[in-house]
Amino acid sequence: MPVIDAAVTKLVRLLGGFKVECSAYQKQCDEILSEIPVGGVSAGLHSFVSQYFEQLLTAGTAVGEIVTDTAGTPRALFNCPTDPLEFRRNKNGFDVDIFVCRDGLSKPVPHPERFVMSALNPLPGAVTGTSLLRTLPFVSGILMKIFETVGENWERAGALRYAVTYRPGNDPDDRAFALERAQQISSAWQSAMKSGSVRDFVAVGDVEIKVIGADGAILDPQVPVSLILEQIVAKTGLPPFMLGLNRTSTERMSSQQADLLTSEIEHYRRILTPVIEKIARVFLLSSGISAKPRAVWEDITLQDEVELAKARLYNAQAEKTEKEINLIERNNG
C-alpha cells in the first residue's frame, strides 16, 4: 500500500546520518567507510545502513554480510534476504546461529563471524524480530477491498451505459415489425453516441432511455477509509501530515508528537549502533587501524527552526536573569 511504503521511507530518512569517530585515524576512517561497495549498486556504510534499516522495519529481522576476497580481506557489504535463511538459538543459550535452506536442507552459513543481525522487538523466547507491519494485514485487507470496489464502481459507472427500451404498441404493424424497428433504434442510438461527435437521437413510438445503475446508491468510502488509515498511521508512529493525510490546512507537528517521534528514532538508533561499530571495526582492522570506532548520530531536529530559535532565546534570557539575581543577592549579602 502506498501509505505504508511512504511510512517506511519516511522512517528511514528520519533516522538521520551518523559519523564513525576513530580518534587519531579519523581521515582514514572516513575514506574507508565511504568507499565500501554495497550490494554491487551503491557504496558507503550509510547506504548499507539505510537498506538494513528498511529490511528491519518490513521483515522484523535484518541480516548483513561482510564480503571478503580469497585472502579473507573485507571488501564489500551485502544485505541478505531473509527468505532462504533460518535462525536457531545456539546451544550456549545466547547466540543465534544462521542457516541457509536449500533443496530442503539447512546448512550453517560459513564464517558466521562475517554476518551481522538485528531483531526488532522480538517476542519472549524468539530469536527473530517482529515486523512493524505485523498487525496491519487485517485493516489493510479491508482498505484494499474498499479501494478495489471503488475502482470497479468507476469502471462500471464512470462511462455511462444506457438501457434503450422500445415497447411496440397495439397496432399489428408495430408488433409485426418490432424487431426491425428495434434494430433501427439501436443503430441510430449507437450513431448518436459515437465518440467524438454530438448528435440528436429521434425515435417514434414508446421508447424509454435510462442510465444503467443510476438508481443504485454507491456507498461513501470516506468515513471507513479515514478510520482505517488512522489505525495504520498509529502503528507507524508518524504524524498523519507526514504521510500526506492532512486533516486541516494548518496542521503542524506539536511538541508532544516531536518528542514521541524522537524517542522512536532513538530506539531504532540503539539497535543499529552495534552493527555500525562492528562493521567499522572489521574494515579498520583490515587496514591496520586498531583504534576502537564509535558511532555518533546527528542531532534529531523535528521542530521548526523558528521554534528552536525561540527556545534558545528564552533559555538565554532565563540564564541572564538568574545571573543578575545571584549578583544582587551577593551584593546585598
Protein backbone atom coordinates (compact mmCIF):
# COMPACT_ATOMS: atom_id res chain seq x y z
CA MET A 1 0.00 0.00 0.00
CA PRO A 2 1.36 3.46 -0.86
CA VAL A 3 0.77 4.87 2.63
CA ILE A 4 2.72 2.01 4.24
CA ASP A 5 5.57 2.35 1.74
CA ALA A 6 5.64 6.08 2.46
CA ALA A 7 5.79 5.42 6.22
CA VAL A 8 8.76 3.07 5.90
CA THR A 9 10.57 5.50 3.59
CA LYS A 10 9.93 8.42 5.98
CA LEU A 11 11.28 6.44 8.95
CA VAL A 12 14.44 5.56 7.04
CA ARG A 13 15.01 9.22 6.21
CA LEU A 14 14.15 10.42 9.71
CA LEU A 15 16.76 8.04 11.12
CA GLY A 16 19.31 10.68 10.16
CA GLY A 17 23.00 10.45 9.46
CA PHE A 18 25.87 9.29 11.59
CA LYS A 19 29.62 9.54 11.80
CA VAL A 20 32.11 6.96 12.93
CA GLU A 21 34.69 8.55 15.20
CA CYS A 22 38.12 6.95 15.30
CA SER A 23 40.41 9.17 17.38
CA ALA A 24 43.63 9.96 15.52
CA TYR A 25 42.66 7.99 12.40
CA GLN A 26 39.55 9.99 11.55
CA LYS A 27 40.53 10.86 7.98
CA GLN A 28 41.46 7.29 7.07
CA CYS A 29 38.28 6.02 8.76
CA ASP A 30 36.04 8.36 6.74
CA GLU A 31 37.70 7.36 3.47
CA ILE A 32 37.50 3.63 4.14
CA LEU A 33 33.86 3.58 5.25
CA SER A 34 32.64 5.89 2.47
CA GLU A 35 34.14 3.71 -0.28
CA ILE A 36 32.82 0.29 0.78
CA PRO A 37 30.85 -1.29 -2.11
CA VAL A 38 27.32 -2.25 -1.06
CA GLY A 39 25.40 -4.87 -2.98
CA GLY A 40 27.22 -4.01 -6.19
CA VAL A 41 24.98 -0.98 -6.84
CA SER A 42 25.95 1.58 -4.19
CA ALA A 43 28.81 2.48 -1.88
CA GLY A 44 29.35 3.63 1.67
CA LEU A 45 28.34 2.43 5.10
CA HIS A 46 25.41 4.88 5.10
CA SER A 47 23.86 3.12 2.08
CA PHE A 48 24.17 -0.25 3.77
CA VAL A 49 22.57 1.01 6.99
CA SER A 50 19.62 2.55 5.09
CA GLN A 51 18.84 -0.73 3.32
CA TYR A 52 19.49 -2.67 6.52
CA PHE A 53 17.07 -0.49 8.49
CA GLU A 54 14.36 -0.76 5.84
CA GLN A 55 14.65 -4.55 5.94
CA LEU A 56 14.47 -4.41 9.75
CA LEU A 57 11.20 -2.48 9.64
CA THR A 58 9.48 -4.59 7.00
CA ALA A 59 10.74 -8.06 7.93
CA GLY A 60 11.43 -7.58 11.64
CA THR A 61 14.86 -9.17 11.16
CA ALA A 62 17.77 -7.75 9.18
CA VAL A 63 20.91 -9.61 8.14
CA GLY A 64 24.05 -8.25 6.53
CA GLU A 65 27.23 -9.96 5.34
CA ILE A 66 30.80 -8.69 5.18
CA VAL A 67 32.05 -9.98 1.84
CA THR A 68 35.73 -10.86 1.64
CA ASP A 69 38.16 -11.73 -1.14
CA THR A 70 40.00 -15.02 -1.48
CA ALA A 71 42.57 -13.85 1.06
CA GLY A 72 39.88 -13.14 3.65
CA THR A 73 40.19 -9.36 3.45
CA PRO A 74 36.87 -7.48 3.82
CA ARG A 75 35.93 -5.85 0.50
CA ALA A 76 32.17 -5.18 0.42
CA LEU A 77 28.87 -5.35 2.25
CA PHE A 78 25.75 -7.26 1.25
CA ASN A 79 22.17 -7.01 2.56
CA CYS A 80 21.00 -10.61 2.78
CA PRO A 81 17.38 -11.54 2.01
CA THR A 82 15.86 -13.39 4.95
CA ASP A 83 13.64 -15.78 2.96
CA PRO A 84 16.27 -18.53 2.45
CA LEU A 85 17.65 -18.12 5.98
CA GLU A 86 16.76 -19.95 9.18
CA PHE A 87 17.64 -18.76 12.65
CA ARG A 88 18.27 -21.04 15.62
CA ARG A 89 19.41 -20.38 19.13
CA ASN A 90 22.90 -21.61 19.88
CA LYS A 91 23.49 -24.30 22.46
CA ASN A 92 25.02 -21.71 24.78
CA GLY A 93 21.55 -20.15 25.09
CA PHE A 94 22.58 -16.67 23.96
CA ASP A 95 23.98 -16.59 20.44
CA VAL A 96 21.97 -17.10 17.26
CA ASP A 97 23.11 -19.44 14.50
CA ILE A 98 22.20 -18.65 10.89
CA PHE A 99 21.38 -21.47 8.47
CA VAL A 100 20.84 -21.43 4.71
CA CYS A 101 17.91 -23.54 3.45
CA ARG A 102 18.50 -25.10 0.02
CA ASP A 103 16.80 -28.10 -1.56
CA GLY A 104 15.06 -28.89 1.70
CA LEU A 105 18.32 -28.99 3.66
CA SER A 106 19.60 -26.50 6.23
CA LYS A 107 23.30 -25.80 6.43
CA PRO A 108 25.04 -23.33 8.74
CA VAL A 109 26.49 -20.32 6.95
CA PRO A 110 30.25 -20.43 6.50
CA HIS A 111 32.15 -17.87 8.55
CA PRO A 112 29.28 -16.71 10.79
CA GLU A 113 31.59 -14.05 12.25
CA ARG A 114 31.20 -12.13 9.00
CA PHE A 115 27.45 -11.71 9.49
CA VAL A 116 25.56 -9.03 11.39
CA MET A 117 21.99 -9.49 12.53
CA SER A 118 19.39 -7.33 14.25
CA ALA A 119 15.91 -8.13 15.54
CA LEU A 120 13.14 -5.57 16.03
CA ASN A 121 11.04 -6.06 19.18
CA PRO A 122 11.45 -9.87 19.41
CA LEU A 123 8.81 -11.80 21.32
CA PRO A 124 9.89 -13.56 24.54
CA GLY A 125 11.97 -16.59 23.67
CA ALA A 126 12.11 -15.77 19.94
CA VAL A 127 15.35 -15.27 18.02
CA THR A 128 13.76 -13.23 15.24
CA GLY A 129 12.12 -9.83 15.41
CA THR A 130 8.62 -8.52 14.83
CA SER A 131 7.83 -6.56 11.70
CA LEU A 132 6.47 -3.04 12.02
CA LEU A 133 3.68 -4.22 9.70
CA ARG A 134 2.71 -7.29 11.74
CA THR A 135 -0.72 -6.06 12.83
CA LEU A 136 -1.59 -4.31 9.57
CA PRO A 137 -2.72 -7.13 7.20
CA PHE A 138 -6.26 -7.20 8.62
CA VAL A 139 -7.01 -3.48 8.33
CA SER A 140 -5.02 -3.24 5.11
CA GLY A 141 -7.12 -6.03 3.61
CA ILE A 142 -10.31 -4.12 4.41
CA LEU A 143 -8.88 -0.95 2.93
CA MET A 144 -7.82 -2.73 -0.26
CA LYS A 145 -11.33 -4.17 -0.65
CA ILE A 146 -12.78 -0.66 -0.41
CA PHE A 147 -10.32 0.67 -2.96
CA GLU A 148 -10.97 -2.24 -5.33
CA THR A 149 -14.73 -1.70 -5.01
CA VAL A 150 -14.36 2.00 -5.74
CA GLY A 151 -12.32 1.13 -8.82
CA GLU A 152 -14.90 -1.38 -10.03
CA ASN A 153 -17.72 1.10 -9.49
CA TRP A 154 -15.91 3.75 -11.51
CA GLU A 155 -15.16 1.21 -14.21
CA ARG A 156 -18.83 0.31 -14.39
CA ALA A 157 -20.43 3.73 -13.86
CA GLY A 158 -17.64 6.10 -14.86
CA ALA A 159 -18.51 5.74 -18.56
CA LEU A 160 -22.29 5.86 -18.56
CA ARG A 161 -24.16 2.92 -20.01
CA TYR A 162 -27.72 3.29 -21.25
CA ALA A 163 -30.67 0.94 -21.47
CA VAL A 164 -32.83 1.80 -24.50
CA THR A 165 -36.22 0.06 -24.35
CA TYR A 166 -38.71 0.03 -27.24
CA ARG A 167 -42.27 -1.05 -26.46
CA PRO A 168 -44.39 -1.78 -29.56
CA GLY A 169 -47.97 -0.52 -29.45
CA ASN A 170 -51.21 -2.41 -30.01
CA ASP A 171 -51.06 -1.75 -33.75
CA PRO A 172 -50.47 -5.08 -35.60
CA ASP A 173 -47.88 -3.36 -37.83
CA ASP A 174 -45.89 -2.29 -34.77
CA ARG A 175 -45.82 -5.82 -33.46
CA ALA A 176 -45.02 -7.31 -36.86
CA PHE A 177 -42.03 -5.06 -37.44
CA ALA A 178 -40.90 -4.75 -33.80
CA LEU A 179 -37.54 -6.48 -34.46
CA GLU A 180 -36.71 -4.31 -37.47
CA ARG A 181 -37.61 -1.11 -35.62
CA ALA A 182 -35.57 -2.17 -32.56
CA GLN A 183 -32.58 -2.72 -34.84
CA GLN A 184 -33.10 0.71 -36.44
CA ILE A 185 -33.32 2.36 -32.99
CA SER A 186 -30.16 0.55 -31.91
CA SER A 187 -28.27 1.67 -35.00
CA ALA A 188 -29.46 5.27 -34.62
CA TRP A 189 -28.58 5.30 -30.90
CA GLN A 190 -25.07 3.97 -31.48
CA SER A 191 -24.54 6.58 -34.18
CA ALA A 192 -25.77 9.35 -31.88
CA MET A 193 -23.49 8.20 -29.03
CA LYS A 194 -20.43 7.75 -31.23
CA SER A 195 -17.30 9.05 -29.54
CA GLY A 196 -16.07 12.42 -30.76
CA SER A 197 -19.45 13.63 -32.01
CA VAL A 198 -22.62 15.12 -30.52
CA ARG A 199 -25.83 14.18 -32.34
CA ASP A 200 -29.51 14.18 -31.64
CA PHE A 201 -31.47 10.95 -31.34
CA VAL A 202 -35.02 10.88 -32.67
CA ALA A 203 -37.34 7.93 -32.15
CA VAL A 204 -41.02 7.29 -32.87
CA GLY A 205 -43.15 5.26 -30.52
CA ASP A 206 -42.83 4.25 -26.91
CA VAL A 207 -39.04 4.47 -26.37
CA GLU A 208 -37.55 4.73 -22.87
CA ILE A 209 -33.89 5.60 -22.16
CA LYS A 210 -32.34 5.09 -18.72
CA VAL A 211 -28.81 5.17 -17.32
CA ILE A 212 -27.85 1.73 -16.07
CA GLY A 213 -27.20 1.78 -12.33
CA ALA A 214 -28.43 5.33 -11.82
CA ASP A 215 -30.91 4.18 -9.19
CA GLY A 216 -28.26 2.37 -7.12
CA ALA A 217 -26.63 4.40 -4.35
CA ILE A 218 -22.86 3.98 -4.06
CA LEU A 219 -21.52 3.84 -0.51
CA ASP A 220 -19.38 6.77 0.58
CA PRO A 221 -15.88 5.38 1.36
CA GLN A 222 -14.54 8.48 3.11
CA VAL A 223 -15.59 7.58 6.66
CA PRO A 224 -14.38 3.93 6.74
CA VAL A 225 -11.22 4.79 4.83
CA SER A 226 -10.42 7.57 7.29
CA LEU A 227 -10.92 5.26 10.28
CA ILE A 228 -8.72 2.52 8.81
CA LEU A 229 -5.97 4.96 7.82
CA GLU A 230 -5.89 6.22 11.40
CA GLN A 231 -5.14 2.69 12.58
CA ILE A 232 -2.32 2.34 10.06
CA VAL A 233 -0.80 5.72 10.92
CA ALA A 234 -0.98 4.95 14.64
CA LYS A 235 1.13 1.84 14.05
CA THR A 236 3.84 3.73 12.19
CA GLY A 237 4.21 6.36 14.91
CA LEU A 238 4.35 9.18 12.36
CA PRO A 239 2.14 12.30 12.36
CA PRO A 240 -0.58 11.98 9.69
CA PHE A 241 0.56 15.01 7.70
CA MET A 242 3.95 13.34 7.05
CA LEU A 243 2.08 10.71 5.02
CA GLY A 244 0.00 13.23 3.08
CA LEU A 245 -3.08 12.74 5.29
CA ASN A 246 -3.62 16.37 6.25
CA ARG A 247 -6.82 16.76 8.24
CA THR A 248 -6.57 20.57 8.19
CA SER A 249 -4.65 23.01 6.04
CA THR A 250 -2.72 24.35 9.06
CA GLU A 251 -1.76 21.06 10.69
CA ARG A 252 1.74 21.06 12.20
CA MET A 253 3.75 18.78 14.37
CA SER A 254 3.19 19.51 18.05
CA SER A 255 5.98 19.37 20.59
CA GLN A 256 4.43 16.21 22.07
CA GLN A 257 4.43 14.48 18.69
CA ALA A 258 8.02 15.55 18.10
CA ASP A 259 9.09 14.13 21.47
CA LEU A 260 7.36 10.80 20.80
CA LEU A 261 8.83 10.53 17.31
CA THR A 262 12.27 11.41 18.66
CA SER A 263 12.05 8.58 21.18
CA GLU A 264 11.06 6.17 18.38
CA ILE A 265 14.06 7.20 16.28
CA GLU A 266 16.42 6.91 19.24
CA HIS A 267 15.11 3.39 19.85
CA TYR A 268 15.95 2.40 16.28
CA ARG A 269 19.38 4.01 16.58
CA ARG A 270 20.21 1.93 19.65
CA ILE A 271 19.50 -1.22 17.63
CA LEU A 272 21.70 -0.14 14.70
CA THR A 273 24.66 1.28 16.63
CA PRO A 274 26.29 -2.13 17.46
CA VAL A 275 26.01 -3.15 13.79
CA ILE A 276 27.70 0.04 12.59
CA GLU A 277 30.53 -0.25 15.10
CA LYS A 278 31.16 -3.93 14.33
CA ILE A 279 31.40 -3.33 10.58
CA ALA A 280 33.63 -0.29 11.09
CA ARG A 281 35.91 -2.25 13.42
CA VAL A 282 36.31 -5.10 10.92
CA PHE A 283 37.17 -2.82 7.99
CA LEU A 284 39.52 -0.67 10.03
CA LEU A 285 41.38 -3.69 11.40
CA SER A 286 41.82 -4.98 7.85
CA SER A 287 43.52 -1.65 7.04
CA GLY A 288 45.84 -1.87 10.03
CA ILE A 289 43.91 0.53 12.27
CA SER A 290 43.35 -0.94 15.73
CA ALA A 291 41.54 2.06 17.24
CA LYS A 292 38.06 1.40 18.62
CA PRO A 293 35.44 3.13 16.41
CA ARG A 294 32.38 4.78 17.89
CA ALA A 295 29.14 5.63 16.06
CA VAL A 296 27.91 9.17 16.73
CA TRP A 297 24.48 10.09 15.39
CA GLU A 298 23.42 13.51 14.20
CA ASP A 299 21.05 15.52 16.36
CA ILE A 300 17.36 14.93 15.69
CA THR A 301 15.73 18.21 14.67
CA LEU A 302 12.00 17.81 14.10
CA GLN A 303 10.85 21.19 15.30
CA ASP A 304 10.74 24.34 13.19
CA GLU A 305 13.89 26.45 13.18
CA VAL A 306 11.83 29.40 14.44
CA GLU A 307 10.69 27.42 17.48
CA LEU A 308 14.25 26.28 18.17
CA ALA A 309 15.49 29.85 17.95
CA LYS A 310 12.79 30.98 20.37
CA ALA A 311 13.75 28.22 22.80
CA ARG A 312 17.42 29.26 22.70
CA LEU A 313 16.40 32.89 23.25
CA TYR A 314 14.21 32.05 26.24
CA ASN A 315 16.97 29.90 27.76
CA ALA A 316 19.49 32.71 27.32
CA GLN A 317 17.12 35.24 28.89
CA ALA A 318 16.42 32.93 31.82
CA GLU A 319 20.14 32.37 32.35
CA LYS A 320 20.81 36.10 32.24
CA THR A 321 18.04 36.81 34.76
CA GLU A 322 19.39 34.14 37.13
CA LYS A 323 22.88 35.66 36.98
CA GLU A 324 21.50 39.13 37.72
CA ILE A 325 19.51 37.83 40.69
CA ASN A 326 22.55 36.00 42.05
CA LEU A 327 24.66 39.13 41.65
CA ILE A 328 22.11 41.25 43.51
CA GLU A 329 21.90 38.70 46.31
CA ARG A 330 25.71 38.63 46.72
CA ASN A 331 25.86 42.44 46.84
CA ASN A 332 23.09 42.64 49.41
CA GLY A 333 24.65 39.91 51.45
